[in-house]
Amino acid sequence: MESEDTTGQLAELVLRAARRMRRSQTGRLAPLGLTPAQSRALRMISREDEPLRMVDLAERLGVVPRSVTTLVDALEAAGLVRRAPDPANRRSILIVLTDRGNDLRAELQRARRQAAEDLFAPLTEPQRATLRELLTALDTG
């Protein structure tokens, strides 16, 4: 019974920390005109050497292609990406990072880092290292 209580408490604490991180990121991304989902999509697009197809972005984000359309619409409206036909497959659309989108990368990274710093500020460096090890073990398990 105690194990179930501990497991439930751990799950609740992880969820609460994730919600705090999301709220902090949302607040820090708002001045940039982005939601966390848009920021994540923009990061995925900017990491690639070649433009991504819409279906590839959906796969990397773990969402259905229809959801990516909404994200790309918003990023395109903000001038951060543009759509281009895929020369290898005329039925596919590529997502191309614009200069403005590329310029925003450093600001996004700062916003994400500060949101993380807000959450982890109460922890000492050794505690952060232990947490990193534990979360890595969960992530690879």
Protein backbone atom coordinates (compact mmCIF):
# COMPACT_ATOMS: atom_id res chain seq x y z
CA MET A 1 0.00 0.00 0.00
CA GLU A 2 2.82 2.39 0.86
CA SER A 3 4.42 1.83 -2.57
CA GLU A 4 1.16 2.79 -4.29
CA ASP A 5 0.98 5.96 -2.19
CA THR A 6 4.59 6.84 -3.03
CA THR A 7 4.04 6.15 -6.73
CA GLY A 8 0.91 8.29 -6.74
CA GLN A 9 2.73 11.11 -4.94
CA LEU A 10 5.63 10.93 -7.40
CA ALA A 11 3.24 11.05 -10.35
CA GLU A 12 1.45 14.06 -8.89
CA LEU A 13 4.71 15.90 -8.18
CA VAL A 14 5.97 15.28 -11.73
CA LEU A 15 2.69 16.53 -13.19
CA ARG A 16 2.72 19.63 -11.01
CA ALA A 17 6.33 20.41 -12.00
CA ALA A 18 5.45 19.95 -15.68
CA ARG A 19 2.49 22.31 -15.33
CA ARG A 20 4.68 24.92 -13.62
CA MET A 21 7.26 24.61 -16.40
CA ARG A 22 4.56 24.98 -19.06
CA ARG A 23 3.09 28.07 -17.35
CA SER A 24 6.53 29.63 -17.08
CA GLN A 25 7.33 28.86 -20.71
CA THR A 26 3.97 30.21 -21.83
CA GLY A 27 4.63 33.47 -19.99
CA ARG A 28 8.15 33.82 -21.38
CA LEU A 29 7.12 32.95 -24.95
CA ALA A 30 4.10 35.27 -25.00
CA PRO A 31 6.17 38.44 -25.67
CA LEU A 32 7.63 36.60 -28.68
CA GLY A 33 4.11 35.89 -29.93
CA LEU A 34 4.47 32.12 -29.62
CA THR A 35 2.80 29.31 -27.74
CA PRO A 36 4.84 26.40 -26.36
CA ALA A 37 3.56 24.18 -29.19
CA GLN A 38 4.58 26.73 -31.83
CA SER A 39 7.97 27.12 -30.15
CA ARG A 40 8.50 23.36 -30.18
CA ALA A 41 7.56 23.12 -33.85
CA LEU A 42 9.88 26.00 -34.72
CA ARG A 43 12.73 24.30 -32.82
CA MET A 44 12.15 21.07 -34.75
CA ILE A 45 12.13 22.92 -38.07
CA SER A 46 15.24 24.94 -37.23
CA ARG A 47 17.27 21.86 -36.19
CA GLU A 48 17.18 20.36 -39.66
CA ASP A 49 19.71 21.05 -42.40
CA GLU A 50 17.01 20.60 -45.05
CA PRO A 51 13.38 21.80 -44.98
CA LEU A 52 10.98 19.33 -43.40
CA ARG A 53 7.89 17.93 -45.06
CA MET A 54 4.70 18.57 -43.11
CA VAL A 55 4.26 14.83 -42.47
CA ASP A 56 7.83 14.58 -41.11
CA LEU A 57 7.23 17.45 -38.72
CA ALA A 58 4.03 15.77 -37.50
CA GLU A 59 5.94 12.55 -36.90
CA ARG A 60 8.72 14.31 -34.97
CA LEU A 61 6.21 16.18 -32.83
CA GLY A 62 4.15 13.02 -32.26
CA VAL A 63 0.93 14.60 -33.56
CA VAL A 64 -1.41 13.98 -36.46
CA PRO A 65 -0.61 15.89 -39.67
CA ARG A 66 -3.83 17.92 -39.34
CA SER A 67 -2.46 19.44 -36.09
CA VAL A 68 0.75 20.48 -37.83
CA THR A 69 -1.26 22.45 -40.38
CA THR A 70 -2.58 24.71 -37.61
CA LEU A 71 0.90 25.18 -36.12
CA VAL A 72 2.48 25.95 -39.48
CA ASP A 73 -0.36 28.35 -40.33
CA ALA A 74 0.42 30.35 -37.18
CA LEU A 75 4.19 30.28 -37.79
CA GLU A 76 3.68 31.33 -41.39
CA ALA A 77 1.35 34.17 -40.37
CA ALA A 78 4.08 35.38 -37.99
CA GLY A 79 6.62 35.32 -40.83
CA LEU A 80 8.74 32.62 -39.19
CA VAL A 81 8.32 29.91 -41.83
CA ARG A 82 7.03 29.60 -45.36
CA ARG A 83 5.60 26.71 -47.30
CA ALA A 84 7.28 25.54 -50.49
CA PRO A 85 6.50 22.72 -52.90
CA ASP A 86 8.69 19.65 -52.52
CA PRO A 87 10.60 19.28 -55.80
CA ALA A 88 10.95 15.53 -55.14
CA ASN A 89 7.21 15.00 -54.60
CA ARG A 90 4.76 17.59 -55.85
CA ARG A 91 2.08 16.32 -53.45
CA SER A 92 4.26 17.22 -50.46
CA ILE A 93 4.83 20.61 -48.91
CA LEU A 94 8.11 21.65 -47.34
CA ILE A 95 8.38 23.98 -44.36
CA VAL A 96 11.19 26.48 -44.81
CA LEU A 97 12.54 28.58 -41.96
CA THR A 98 12.61 32.28 -42.84
CA ASP A 99 15.37 34.67 -41.81
CA ARG A 100 13.06 36.04 -39.15
CA GLY A 101 12.41 32.52 -37.86
CA ASN A 102 16.12 31.82 -37.76
CA ASP A 103 16.77 35.09 -35.90
CA LEU A 104 14.19 34.14 -33.26
CA ARG A 105 16.00 30.90 -32.33
CA ALA A 106 18.30 32.51 -29.76
CA GLU A 107 15.39 34.30 -28.08
CA LEU A 108 13.44 31.05 -27.89
CA GLN A 109 16.39 29.30 -26.31
CA ARG A 110 16.76 32.07 -23.72
CA ALA A 111 13.03 31.92 -22.89
CA ARG A 112 13.13 28.14 -22.44
CA ARG A 113 16.31 28.29 -20.36
CA GLN A 114 14.87 30.97 -18.08
CA ALA A 115 11.64 28.99 -17.61
CA ALA A 116 13.75 25.98 -16.58
CA GLU A 117 15.85 28.15 -14.27
CA ASP A 118 12.66 29.42 -12.62
CA LEU A 119 11.56 25.86 -11.91
CA PHE A 120 14.92 24.47 -10.78
CA ALA A 121 16.11 27.53 -8.82
CA PRO A 122 15.42 25.97 -5.40
CA LEU A 123 17.69 23.00 -6.18
CA THR A 124 21.40 22.86 -5.50
CA GLU A 125 23.76 21.73 -8.26
CA PRO A 126 24.10 18.23 -6.74
CA GLN A 127 20.31 17.97 -6.51
CA ARG A 128 19.99 19.04 -10.15
CA ALA A 129 22.54 16.40 -11.17
CA THR A 130 20.62 13.73 -9.26
CA LEU A 131 17.32 14.83 -10.79
CA ARG A 132 18.89 14.77 -14.26
CA GLU A 133 20.13 11.20 -13.66
CA LEU A 134 16.73 10.07 -12.39
CA LEU A 135 14.78 11.67 -15.23
CA THR A 136 17.26 10.25 -17.77
CA ALA A 137 16.68 6.79 -16.30
CA LEU A 138 12.92 7.26 -16.69
CA ASP A 139 13.31 8.63 -20.21
CA THR A 140 15.33 5.66 -21.42
CA GLY A 141 13.30 3.04 -19.55
